[in-house]
Protein backbone atom coordinates (compact mmCIF):
# COMPACT_ATOMS: atom_id res chain seq x y z
CA MET A 1 -0.07 -0.07 -0.08
CA GLN A 2 1.47 3.27 -1.11
CA THR A 3 1.09 6.23 1.41
CA THR A 4 0.89 9.94 0.53
CA LYS A 5 2.99 10.73 3.56
CA ASN A 6 6.51 12.22 2.99
CA GLN A 7 6.32 12.39 -0.76
CA SER A 8 7.51 15.20 -2.74
CA PHE A 9 5.47 18.41 -2.99
CA PHE A 10 4.89 17.77 -6.76
CA SER A 11 3.66 14.36 -6.08
CA ARG A 12 1.21 15.75 -3.40
CA LEU A 13 0.23 18.42 -5.70
CA ARG A 14 -0.73 15.71 -8.34
CA PHE A 15 -2.84 14.07 -5.81
CA ALA A 16 -4.61 17.25 -5.01
CA TYR A 17 -5.08 18.00 -8.75
CA ALA A 18 -6.57 14.30 -9.37
CA GLY A 19 -8.99 15.03 -6.35
CA ILE A 20 -10.27 18.30 -8.05
CA VAL A 21 -10.52 16.47 -11.40
CA HIS A 22 -12.49 13.63 -10.15
CA ALA A 23 -14.83 15.96 -8.19
CA VAL A 24 -15.54 18.25 -11.31
CA ARG A 25 -16.34 15.06 -13.33
CA ALA A 26 -18.55 13.27 -10.79
CA GLU A 27 -20.29 15.99 -8.67
CA HIS A 28 -22.81 18.38 -10.19
CA SER A 29 -22.83 20.63 -7.23
CA ILE A 30 -18.92 21.48 -7.52
CA ARG A 31 -19.31 22.25 -11.28
CA PHE A 32 -22.20 24.61 -10.11
CA HIS A 33 -20.00 26.29 -7.61
CA ILE A 34 -17.04 26.51 -9.96
CA PHE A 35 -19.31 28.15 -12.70
CA ALA A 36 -20.75 30.62 -10.01
CA LEU A 37 -17.08 31.33 -9.14
CA PHE A 38 -16.34 32.46 -12.76
CA GLY A 39 -19.56 34.34 -12.76
CA VAL A 40 -18.47 36.29 -9.64
CA LEU A 41 -15.04 36.90 -11.08
CA VAL A 42 -16.80 38.55 -14.27
CA VAL A 43 -18.73 40.68 -11.72
CA LEU A 44 -15.65 41.78 -10.01
CA ALA A 45 -13.81 42.60 -13.30
CA VAL A 46 -16.77 44.64 -14.53
CA PHE A 47 -17.40 46.64 -11.34
CA ARG A 48 -13.59 46.65 -10.20
CA PRO A 49 -14.41 46.97 -6.28
CA GLU A 50 -11.54 47.54 -3.89
CA PRO A 51 -8.97 44.85 -3.40
CA GLU A 52 -10.56 44.05 -0.08
CA TRP A 53 -13.64 42.92 -1.87
CA TRP A 54 -11.70 40.71 -4.20
CA ALA A 55 -10.00 38.96 -1.42
CA LEU A 56 -13.10 38.58 0.64
CA ILE A 57 -15.00 37.07 -2.43
CA ILE A 58 -12.12 34.75 -3.27
CA VAL A 59 -11.64 33.52 0.14
CA THR A 60 -15.50 32.81 0.27
CA CYS A 61 -15.60 31.11 -2.85
CA GLY A 62 -12.57 28.95 -1.75
CA ALA A 63 -14.42 28.05 1.39
CA VAL A 64 -17.48 26.99 -0.55
CA ILE A 65 -15.65 24.91 -2.94
CA SER A 66 -13.50 23.43 -0.14
CA ALA A 67 -16.75 22.46 1.62
CA GLU A 68 -17.81 20.72 -1.51
CA LEU A 69 -14.50 18.76 -1.80
CA PHE A 70 -14.75 17.93 1.90
CA ASN A 71 -18.40 16.73 1.30
CA THR A 72 -17.42 14.62 -1.68
CA ALA A 73 -14.64 12.94 0.20
CA ILE A 74 -16.73 12.36 3.17
CA GLU A 75 -19.65 10.79 1.18
CA HIS A 76 -17.07 8.38 -0.79
CA LEU A 77 -15.58 7.32 2.22
CA ALA A 78 -18.76 6.68 4.08
CA ASP A 79 -20.24 4.86 1.06
CA HIS A 80 -17.19 2.82 0.67
CA LEU A 81 -17.01 1.89 4.57
CA HIS A 82 -20.75 1.20 4.91
CA PRO A 83 -22.58 0.81 1.65
CA GLU A 84 -25.90 0.00 3.27
CA ILE A 85 -28.00 2.92 4.65
CA HIS A 86 -27.23 3.36 8.32
CA PRO A 87 -28.61 5.96 10.74
CA SER A 88 -25.03 7.07 11.78
CA ILE A 89 -23.74 7.24 8.34
CA ARG A 90 -26.74 9.27 7.24
CA ILE A 91 -25.88 11.78 10.07
CA VAL A 92 -22.25 12.21 8.92
CA LYS A 93 -23.44 12.81 5.16
CA ASP A 94 -26.16 15.08 6.32
CA CYS A 95 -23.74 17.11 8.55
CA ALA A 96 -21.26 17.30 5.69
CA ALA A 97 -24.04 18.61 3.21
CA ALA A 98 -24.92 21.08 5.85
CA ALA A 99 -21.41 22.60 5.96
CA VAL A 100 -21.87 23.07 2.15
CA LEU A 101 -25.14 24.83 2.96
CA VAL A 102 -23.76 27.16 5.59
CA THR A 103 -20.72 28.23 3.55
CA SER A 104 -23.02 28.70 0.52
CA LEU A 105 -25.28 30.73 2.54
CA ALA A 106 -22.45 32.75 3.84
CA ALA A 107 -21.17 33.52 0.40
CA LEU A 108 -24.72 34.80 -0.58
CA VAL A 109 -24.49 37.28 2.38
CA VAL A 110 -21.00 38.39 1.36
CA ALA A 111 -22.51 38.69 -2.44
CA ALA A 112 -25.36 40.80 -1.07
CA ALA A 113 -22.99 43.08 0.90
CA LEU A 114 -20.97 43.64 -2.28
CA ALA A 115 -24.07 44.42 -4.23
CA VAL A 116 -25.12 47.01 -1.73
CA HIS A 117 -21.35 48.39 -1.79
CA ILE A 118 -21.43 48.69 -5.58
CA GLY A 119 -24.87 50.23 -5.48
CA ARG A 120 -23.85 52.83 -3.07
CA ARG A 121 -20.73 53.56 -5.37
CA TRP A 122 -22.82 54.05 -8.41
CA THR A 123 -25.30 56.51 -6.81
């Protein structure tokens, strides 16, 4: 069994890239969030808010995509370890999905704050 511990940085980077590629291919939700990220980047490029807003939006979008990746990892591991429906596994998967929901709602609050900020600048 090959371990990922103590491997070169570039080997570990390949593992991370493989995880992202798998998630994008297999998960509709992550594709939606990545599409939303590109839409948000277009909005930022058009309205050109201050650098602090760029940072806040990028960190927020990164949190949402990270939550999706964690959710995907947890679901795959749970399904592998316990393929049958089990109340404890359901709770684990529900909590992981809830983490995605919470970060997504937080991202919407940041987007609303940015919209208010841009609206005030244009008036």
